[in-house]
Amino acid sequence: MSCRITTFGNILWLGFLVLLSGEVGAVTNAPFGVASAAGVGAMESGLSEEILGCIVTITGSRGAGTGFIATDGVSTCLYSNIHVLMGNSGMRFANHRGETFQPVAIEAASDRDVVRLKLRQVPKQCLAIATPRSLNVPVAVCGNAEGEEVMRVISGKIVGVGPLKVETDAQFVRGHSGSPILTCDGKVLGIATYVKRGNPDWVSTNTPFAVTRRFGFRVDNVKNWVKVDQRWFVAESGWLREREEKLTQLSQLLDAWADDPYWQLLPEETADAVHRGVSDWVRAHNQVVAANRRRLHSARPSETKASELSREFHQQLRREAEVLKQALASAWRGPRPRWHLPFFRAYADELDTWHDMLLKAVDELCALHSSYDPVVVKRRDVW
């Protein structure tokens, strides 16, 4: 998974909103748009108080992120990422002055991780959405860094432009999801969205592609906005977040098992929260580990017995790995929602890929731990 927020109930995420009858009020505000010749110096000296007032922290039951108020020339909305809102109930939208904003409707981009929320009251000031047209443009990413509810500005420049995305070297982090990627005069060139881990192989070594890269989606050219119904948004995003949490727990469990599958006891309380089949497997594993320890003690005097015991442990490990894969597969079964957003479908596909990787990891770990003599290794440690 990319750097999501992670993470991320029965309370409707939009339940706190006051849905008004009729249309949202007409736009009477003015965006910032006075060009500055300061360039990089302007970004280094910080953003104006007026620009800062258009950026909001988003906090809720499952995490925190950022949003910003901007106009596309037709309407003024609060923009953020879909993944910031996913499974997040009781959300609060506030700027650095403590002013809060109340959404009344939401639309999601049909082809990217972007949402816009129409507000009950349109603020007097907003940012302006612009088209990224060139590279090496000085920019700043300003938002709720690490979810600590303070605005942090990270300076950089645009290093890549595409039809859907821009790439920046401004080093934004968790909590910056949904932050505007700003020019020095308050123009929005994109929305900070995800981080891609570097791939330092023999081709990319000593190139910019060997390090972490950061991307944001463009907002200027969204052609289709999907009206969101809170009922299906809550159901679908909640399903995805629950699956994501389950995979996180399974990954932690597998990591503990991988450390030493012959002698390592596993936390039963974690397995209980995931799936009954996984819980049964963990209890059986812990019983095997306890038996292994007793048998190891009895095998001390005899090298022949120790060798036989190692072969039994290898066979036992292979059986345990097969049962674990069956439990992982069983934990992943179940009905799925009908996806209303392509982003949700793509998110579900990523989770499936993650699950498949866990199944493959079980086989690889089994092969690794079958390549040595567990009794000999243990005897070196404790005898």
Protein backbone atom coordinates (compact mmCIF):
# COMPACT_ATOMS: atom_id res chain seq x y z
CA MET A 1 0.00 0.00 0.00
CA SER A 2 1.13 3.54 -0.54
CA CYS A 3 1.41 6.03 2.35
CA ARG A 4 -2.25 6.19 3.15
CA ILE A 5 -3.74 7.29 5.80
CA THR A 6 -4.00 4.70 7.09
CA THR A 7 -5.96 3.74 8.23
CA PHE A 8 -8.63 4.45 7.54
CA GLY A 9 -18.42 2.29 12.42
CA ASN A 10 -22.03 2.52 12.56
CA ILE A 11 -21.89 6.30 12.92
CA LEU A 12 -22.51 7.91 9.55
CA TRP A 13 -19.40 9.79 8.48
CA LEU A 14 -21.56 12.64 7.27
CA GLY A 15 -23.97 12.35 10.19
CA PHE A 16 -22.88 15.57 11.79
CA LEU A 17 -23.65 17.60 8.68
CA VAL A 18 -26.76 19.71 8.43
CA LEU A 19 -28.26 18.96 5.04
CA LEU A 20 -29.99 22.03 3.75
CA SER A 21 -32.84 22.13 1.32
CA GLY A 22 -32.28 24.07 -1.87
CA GLU A 23 -29.06 25.10 -3.54
CA VAL A 24 -25.83 26.15 -1.89
CA GLY A 25 -25.40 29.91 -1.92
CA ALA A 26 -23.83 31.65 -4.87
CA VAL A 27 -20.10 32.24 -4.90
CA THR A 28 -19.25 35.79 -3.90
CA ASN A 29 -15.69 35.23 -2.75
CA ALA A 30 -12.44 36.16 -4.46
CA PRO A 31 -9.41 33.88 -4.92
CA PHE A 32 -5.87 34.97 -4.35
CA GLY A 33 -4.20 35.52 -7.69
CA VAL A 34 -1.73 38.39 -7.57
CA ALA A 35 1.45 37.17 -9.17
CA SER A 36 4.67 37.35 -7.17
CA ALA A 37 8.16 37.79 -8.53
CA ALA A 38 9.75 36.46 -5.38
CA GLY A 39 9.86 32.86 -6.63
CA VAL A 40 11.70 30.51 -4.35
CA GLY A 41 12.23 33.27 -1.82
CA ALA A 42 8.49 33.63 -1.35
CA MET A 43 8.12 29.92 -0.61
CA GLU A 44 10.97 29.99 1.87
CA SER A 45 9.55 33.01 3.70
CA GLY A 46 6.24 31.24 4.30
CA LEU A 47 2.61 31.58 3.25
CA SER A 48 0.46 34.59 3.98
CA GLU A 49 -2.10 34.48 6.77
CA GLU A 50 -4.88 34.76 4.19
CA ILE A 51 -3.67 31.71 2.25
CA LEU A 52 -3.17 29.79 5.48
CA GLY A 53 -6.77 30.51 6.44
CA CYS A 54 -7.97 28.60 3.38
CA ILE A 55 -6.29 25.36 4.50
CA VAL A 56 -8.09 23.16 7.02
CA THR A 57 -7.24 20.26 9.28
CA ILE A 58 -9.59 17.29 9.05
CA THR A 59 -9.91 15.14 12.16
CA GLY A 60 -12.19 12.19 12.82
CA SER A 61 -12.61 8.82 14.47
CA ARG A 62 -10.07 7.00 12.30
CA GLY A 63 -7.39 9.54 11.57
CA ALA A 64 -6.49 12.99 10.38
CA GLY A 65 -5.66 14.73 7.15
CA THR A 66 -5.93 18.04 5.36
CA GLY A 67 -8.26 19.90 3.04
CA PHE A 68 -8.40 23.31 1.42
CA ILE A 69 -11.02 25.75 0.17
CA ALA A 70 -10.65 26.66 -3.48
CA THR A 71 -12.55 27.77 -6.54
CA ASP A 72 -12.41 26.33 -10.04
CA GLY A 73 -13.96 29.52 -11.41
CA VAL A 74 -17.49 28.13 -11.19
CA SER A 75 -17.96 26.99 -7.60
CA THR A 76 -16.08 27.12 -4.33
CA CYS A 77 -15.63 23.88 -2.39
CA LEU A 78 -13.52 22.23 0.26
CA TYR A 79 -11.19 19.76 -1.48
CA SER A 80 -9.41 16.72 -0.04
CA ASN A 81 -8.62 13.07 -0.82
CA ILE A 82 -11.23 10.33 -0.81
CA HIS A 83 -9.00 8.23 1.44
CA VAL A 84 -8.94 10.97 4.10
CA LEU A 85 -12.71 10.62 4.51
CA MET A 86 -12.90 6.83 4.24
CA GLY A 87 -14.42 5.28 7.36
CA ASN A 88 -13.90 8.54 9.24
CA SER A 89 -16.91 9.55 11.36
CA GLY A 90 -17.46 12.67 13.46
CA MET A 91 -15.20 14.72 11.25
CA ARG A 92 -14.27 18.30 12.06
CA PHE A 93 -12.98 20.79 9.50
CA ALA A 94 -11.12 23.78 10.96
CA ASN A 95 -8.45 26.26 9.91
CA HIS A 96 -5.59 27.63 12.00
CA ARG A 97 -7.85 30.37 13.40
CA GLY A 98 -10.25 27.79 14.79
CA GLU A 99 -12.93 28.65 12.24
CA THR A 100 -14.96 25.57 11.35
CA PHE A 101 -16.62 24.68 8.05
CA GLN A 102 -19.76 22.63 7.60
CA PRO A 103 -20.19 20.53 4.45
CA VAL A 104 -23.66 19.89 3.08
CA ALA A 105 -22.89 17.69 0.07
CA ILE A 106 -20.00 15.79 -1.40
CA GLU A 107 -18.82 14.81 -4.85
CA ALA A 108 -15.98 12.47 -5.77
CA ALA A 109 -13.83 12.51 -8.90
CA SER A 110 -14.58 9.50 -11.06
CA ASP A 111 -10.95 8.88 -12.03
CA ARG A 112 -8.76 9.90 -9.09
CA ASP A 113 -8.49 10.11 -5.29
CA VAL A 114 -10.13 13.53 -4.96
CA VAL A 115 -13.32 14.79 -3.31
CA ARG A 116 -14.93 18.18 -3.06
CA LEU A 117 -17.41 19.19 -0.38
CA LYS A 118 -19.94 21.95 -0.83
CA LEU A 119 -20.13 24.17 2.22
CA ARG A 120 -23.11 25.51 4.12
CA GLN A 121 -21.55 28.97 4.08
CA VAL A 122 -19.13 29.95 1.34
CA PRO A 123 -16.11 31.71 2.88
CA LYS A 124 -15.05 35.14 1.68
CA GLN A 125 -11.59 34.01 0.70
CA CYS A 126 -10.36 30.95 -1.15
CA LEU A 127 -7.50 29.60 -3.20
CA ALA A 128 -7.56 29.38 -6.99
CA ILE A 129 -7.17 26.10 -8.87
CA ALA A 130 -4.66 26.38 -11.70
CA THR A 131 -3.19 24.20 -14.44
CA PRO A 132 0.40 22.98 -13.98
CA ARG A 133 2.18 23.96 -17.18
CA SER A 134 5.91 23.66 -16.48
CA LEU A 135 8.56 21.95 -14.37
CA ASN A 136 10.80 23.27 -11.59
CA VAL A 137 8.08 25.65 -10.39
CA PRO A 138 8.62 26.53 -6.70
CA VAL A 139 5.77 25.14 -4.58
CA ALA A 140 4.81 24.56 -0.97
CA VAL A 141 2.74 21.77 0.58
CA CYS A 142 0.95 23.03 3.67
CA GLY A 143 -1.15 20.84 5.93
CA ASN A 144 -1.78 18.81 9.05
CA ALA A 145 1.63 17.09 9.28
CA GLU A 146 1.55 13.81 11.24
CA GLY A 147 -2.05 14.61 12.21
CA GLU A 148 -0.94 16.94 15.02
CA GLU A 149 -3.46 19.67 14.08
CA VAL A 150 -0.85 22.28 13.27
CA MET A 151 -0.08 23.63 9.82
CA ARG A 152 3.38 22.84 8.53
CA VAL A 153 4.78 24.19 5.27
CA ILE A 154 7.16 22.03 3.24
CA SER A 155 8.88 23.76 0.33
CA GLY A 156 9.98 22.18 -2.93
CA LYS A 157 9.25 22.31 -6.62
CA ILE A 158 7.23 20.53 -9.29
CA VAL A 159 9.49 17.85 -10.80
CA GLY A 160 6.95 16.01 -12.95
CA VAL A 161 3.64 16.70 -14.68
CA GLY A 162 1.17 14.25 -16.22
CA PRO A 163 -2.47 14.21 -17.33
CA LEU A 164 -3.72 13.12 -13.86
CA LYS A 165 -0.83 13.78 -11.49
CA VAL A 166 2.03 16.03 -10.58
CA GLU A 167 5.21 15.00 -8.80
CA THR A 168 6.92 17.19 -6.24
CA ASP A 169 10.11 16.96 -4.23
CA ALA A 170 8.45 18.73 -1.29
CA GLN A 171 8.78 16.07 1.39
CA PHE A 172 5.24 15.80 2.70
CA VAL A 173 4.34 13.12 5.25
CA ARG A 174 1.32 11.43 6.85
CA GLY A 175 -1.37 13.94 7.66
CA HIS A 176 -0.46 16.00 4.59
CA SER A 177 -2.87 13.91 2.51
CA GLY A 178 -5.35 16.38 1.02
CA SER A 179 -2.97 19.35 1.29
CA PRO A 180 -2.77 21.84 -1.57
CA ILE A 181 0.40 21.94 -3.64
CA LEU A 182 0.71 25.72 -3.86
CA THR A 183 2.55 28.26 -5.92
CA CYS A 184 3.88 31.34 -4.14
CA ASP A 185 0.74 33.33 -5.05
CA GLY A 186 -1.74 30.79 -3.72
CA LYS A 187 -2.53 28.86 -6.91
CA VAL A 188 -3.32 25.16 -6.41
CA LEU A 189 -1.44 22.91 -8.86
CA GLY A 190 -2.44 19.64 -7.22
CA ILE A 191 -3.45 17.88 -4.03
CA ALA A 192 -0.83 15.92 -2.04
CA THR A 193 -1.94 12.28 -2.15
CA TYR A 194 0.63 9.51 -1.82
CA VAL A 195 4.26 8.53 -1.42
CA LYS A 196 6.03 5.84 -3.44
CA ARG A 197 8.94 3.98 -1.90
CA GLY A 198 12.21 4.17 -3.80
CA ASN A 199 13.38 1.25 -5.92
CA PRO A 200 17.20 1.25 -5.74
CA ASP A 201 17.92 -1.53 -8.21
CA TRP A 202 20.84 -1.61 -10.62
CA VAL A 203 18.98 0.55 -13.14
CA SER A 204 17.85 3.31 -10.77
CA THR A 205 20.87 3.46 -8.44
CA ASN A 206 22.30 6.99 -8.27
CA THR A 207 19.22 8.43 -9.98
CA PRO A 208 16.26 10.40 -8.56
CA PHE A 209 14.15 7.24 -8.90
CA ALA A 210 16.08 5.33 -6.23
CA VAL A 211 14.61 7.52 -3.49
CA THR A 212 11.11 8.11 -2.18
CA ARG A 213 8.85 9.95 -4.63
CA ARG A 214 5.78 12.05 -3.82
CA PHE A 215 2.71 12.58 -5.98
CA GLY A 216 -0.43 14.66 -6.01
CA PHE A 217 -3.51 14.51 -8.18
CA ARG A 218 -4.44 17.43 -10.38
CA VAL A 219 -7.73 19.16 -9.63
CA ASP A 220 -7.95 21.45 -12.65
CA ASN A 221 -9.07 18.86 -15.21
CA VAL A 222 -11.54 16.56 -13.41
CA LYS A 223 -14.23 15.96 -16.03
CA ASN A 224 -16.74 13.92 -14.06
CA TRP A 225 -17.82 14.42 -10.45
CA VAL A 226 -19.94 11.66 -8.87
CA LYS A 227 -22.57 12.70 -6.37
CA VAL A 228 -21.98 10.77 -3.17
CA ASP A 229 -24.74 9.23 -1.11
CA GLN A 230 -23.63 8.91 2.49
CA ARG A 231 -25.17 5.45 2.85
CA TRP A 232 -23.13 3.71 0.19
CA PHE A 233 -20.04 5.78 1.00
CA VAL A 234 -20.17 4.68 4.65
CA ALA A 235 -20.82 1.04 3.73
CA GLU A 236 -18.13 0.75 1.05
CA SER A 237 -15.42 2.77 2.76
CA GLY A 238 -16.10 1.02 6.07
CA TRP A 239 -15.74 -2.37 4.39
CA LEU A 240 -12.40 -1.33 2.91
CA ARG A 241 -11.08 0.06 6.19
CA GLU A 242 -12.09 -3.09 8.08
CA ARG A 243 -10.30 -5.23 5.49
CA GLU A 244 -7.25 -3.00 5.69
CA GLU A 245 -7.14 -3.31 9.47
CA LYS A 246 -7.50 -7.08 9.19
CA LEU A 247 -4.56 -7.25 6.79
CA THR A 248 -2.47 -5.10 9.11
CA GLN A 249 -3.17 -7.49 11.99
CA LEU A 250 -2.45 -10.53 9.82
CA SER A 251 0.82 -8.98 8.66
CA GLN A 252 1.89 -8.34 12.26
CA LEU A 253 0.99 -11.91 13.19
CA LEU A 254 2.91 -13.32 10.24
CA ASP A 255 5.90 -11.14 11.10
CA ALA A 256 5.98 -12.59 14.62
CA TRP A 257 5.66 -16.15 13.27
CA ALA A 258 8.41 -15.55 10.72
CA ASP A 259 10.86 -14.55 13.43
CA ASP A 260 11.05 -18.17 14.68
CA PRO A 261 8.17 -20.52 13.79
CA TYR A 262 9.62 -23.40 15.85
CA TRP A 263 9.95 -21.66 19.21
CA GLN A 264 8.07 -18.32 19.05
CA LEU A 265 4.75 -18.05 20.91
CA LEU A 266 2.16 -15.84 19.19
CA PRO A 267 -0.29 -13.35 20.77
CA GLU A 268 -3.67 -15.04 20.94
CA GLU A 269 -5.59 -11.81 21.62
CA THR A 270 -4.54 -10.39 18.24
CA ALA A 271 -5.75 -13.48 16.39
CA ASP A 272 -9.10 -13.41 18.21
CA ALA A 273 -9.82 -10.01 16.65
CA VAL A 274 -9.06 -11.18 13.11
CA HIS A 275 -10.85 -14.46 12.36
CA ARG A 276 -11.83 -17.65 14.14
CA GLY A 277 -9.76 -19.82 11.79
CA VAL A 278 -6.68 -17.69 12.41
CA SER A 279 -7.36 -17.76 16.15
CA ASP A 280 -7.59 -21.57 16.11
CA TRP A 281 -4.33 -21.76 14.16
CA VAL A 282 -2.53 -19.51 16.67
CA ARG A 283 -3.67 -21.60 19.64
CA ALA A 284 -2.61 -24.80 17.89
CA HIS A 285 0.75 -23.21 17.02
CA ASN A 286 1.37 -22.19 20.65
CA GLN A 287 0.58 -25.72 21.80
CA VAL A 288 3.09 -27.07 19.26
CA VAL A 289 5.75 -24.63 20.44
CA ALA A 290 5.23 -25.69 24.06
CA ALA A 291 5.55 -29.35 23.01
CA ASN A 292 8.66 -28.57 20.93
CA ARG A 293 10.36 -27.05 23.94
CA ARG A 294 9.67 -30.12 26.06
CA ARG A 295 10.85 -32.46 23.32
CA LEU A 296 14.00 -30.41 22.80
CA HIS A 297 14.94 -30.94 26.43
CA SER A 298 14.44 -34.70 26.14
CA ALA A 299 16.63 -34.84 23.01
CA ARG A 300 19.74 -33.43 24.70
CA PRO A 301 21.62 -36.69 25.32
CA SER A 302 21.16 -38.14 21.84
CA GLU A 303 22.39 -36.73 18.53
CA THR A 304 20.30 -39.31 16.66
CA LYS A 305 17.19 -38.31 18.53
CA ALA A 306 17.94 -34.64 17.91
CA SER A 307 18.29 -35.29 14.16
CA GLU A 308 14.99 -37.17 14.07
CA LEU A 309 13.36 -34.36 16.00
CA SER A 310 14.53 -31.78 13.46
CA ARG A 311 13.01 -33.79 10.60
CA GLU A 312 9.73 -33.96 12.51
CA PHE A 313 9.86 -30.22 13.11
CA HIS A 314 10.34 -29.59 9.38
CA GLN A 315 7.32 -31.74 8.52
CA GLN A 316 5.33 -30.10 11.25
CA LEU A 317 6.24 -26.63 9.90
CA ARG A 318 5.04 -27.53 6.40
CA ARG A 319 1.72 -28.81 7.78
CA GLU A 320 1.36 -25.68 9.88
CA ALA A 321 2.05 -23.46 6.87
CA GLU A 322 -0.71 -25.15 4.85
CA VAL A 323 -3.21 -24.70 7.67
CA LEU A 324 -2.18 -21.06 8.00
CA LYS A 325 -2.77 -20.42 4.29
CA GLN A 326 -6.20 -22.01 4.55
CA ALA A 327 -7.00 -19.77 7.55
CA LEU A 328 -5.79 -16.66 5.68
CA ALA A 329 -7.93 -17.58 2.67
CA SER A 330 -10.95 -18.22 4.87
CA ALA A 331 -10.50 -14.88 6.64
CA TRP A 332 -10.60 -13.15 3.25
CA ARG A 333 -13.82 -14.69 1.98
CA GLY A 334 -17.19 -13.01 2.17
CA PRO A 335 -19.57 -10.83 0.17
CA ARG A 336 -18.33 -7.57 -1.29
CA PRO A 337 -20.10 -4.28 -1.87
CA ARG A 338 -21.05 -3.05 -5.32
CA TRP A 339 -18.50 -0.31 -5.85
CA HIS A 340 -19.87 3.12 -6.75
CA LEU A 341 -16.43 4.70 -7.21
CA PRO A 342 -13.56 3.42 -9.35
CA PHE A 343 -11.24 4.49 -6.53
CA PHE A 344 -12.96 2.06 -4.15
CA ARG A 345 -12.62 -0.77 -6.68
CA ALA A 346 -8.92 0.01 -7.16
CA TYR A 347 -8.45 0.15 -3.39
CA ALA A 348 -10.07 -3.29 -3.04
CA ASP A 349 -7.73 -4.62 -5.75
CA GLU A 350 -4.73 -3.32 -3.80
CA LEU A 351 -5.96 -5.10 -0.69
CA ASP A 352 -6.34 -8.33 -2.67
CA THR A 353 -2.75 -7.96 -3.87
CA TRP A 354 -1.61 -7.45 -0.29
CA HIS A 355 -3.45 -10.62 0.78
CA ASP A 356 -1.90 -12.61 -2.09
CA MET A 357 1.53 -11.41 -0.97
CA LEU A 358 0.87 -12.74 2.53
CA LEU A 359 0.00 -16.18 1.09
CA LYS A 360 3.21 -16.20 -0.93
CA ALA A 361 5.17 -15.06 2.10
CA VAL A 362 3.99 -18.11 4.05
CA ASP A 363 5.48 -20.41 1.39
CA GLU A 364 8.73 -18.43 1.24
CA LEU A 365 9.10 -18.38 5.02
CA CYS A 366 8.38 -22.09 5.23
CA ALA A 367 11.12 -22.77 2.67
CA LEU A 368 13.54 -20.50 4.52
CA HIS A 369 12.99 -22.11 7.92
CA SER A 370 13.15 -25.59 6.42
CA SER A 371 16.67 -24.91 5.16
CA TYR A 372 18.39 -25.25 8.54
CA ASP A 373 18.36 -27.62 11.51
CA PRO A 374 16.12 -26.01 14.17
CA VAL A 375 17.34 -28.27 16.95
CA VAL A 376 21.02 -27.56 16.28
CA VAL A 377 20.37 -23.82 16.13
CA LYS A 378 18.39 -23.87 19.36
CA ARG A 379 20.98 -25.97 21.14
CA ARG A 380 23.64 -23.40 20.29
CA ASP A 381 21.49 -20.71 21.86
CA VAL A 382 20.52 -22.41 25.11
CA TRP A 383 22.95 -25.26 25.83
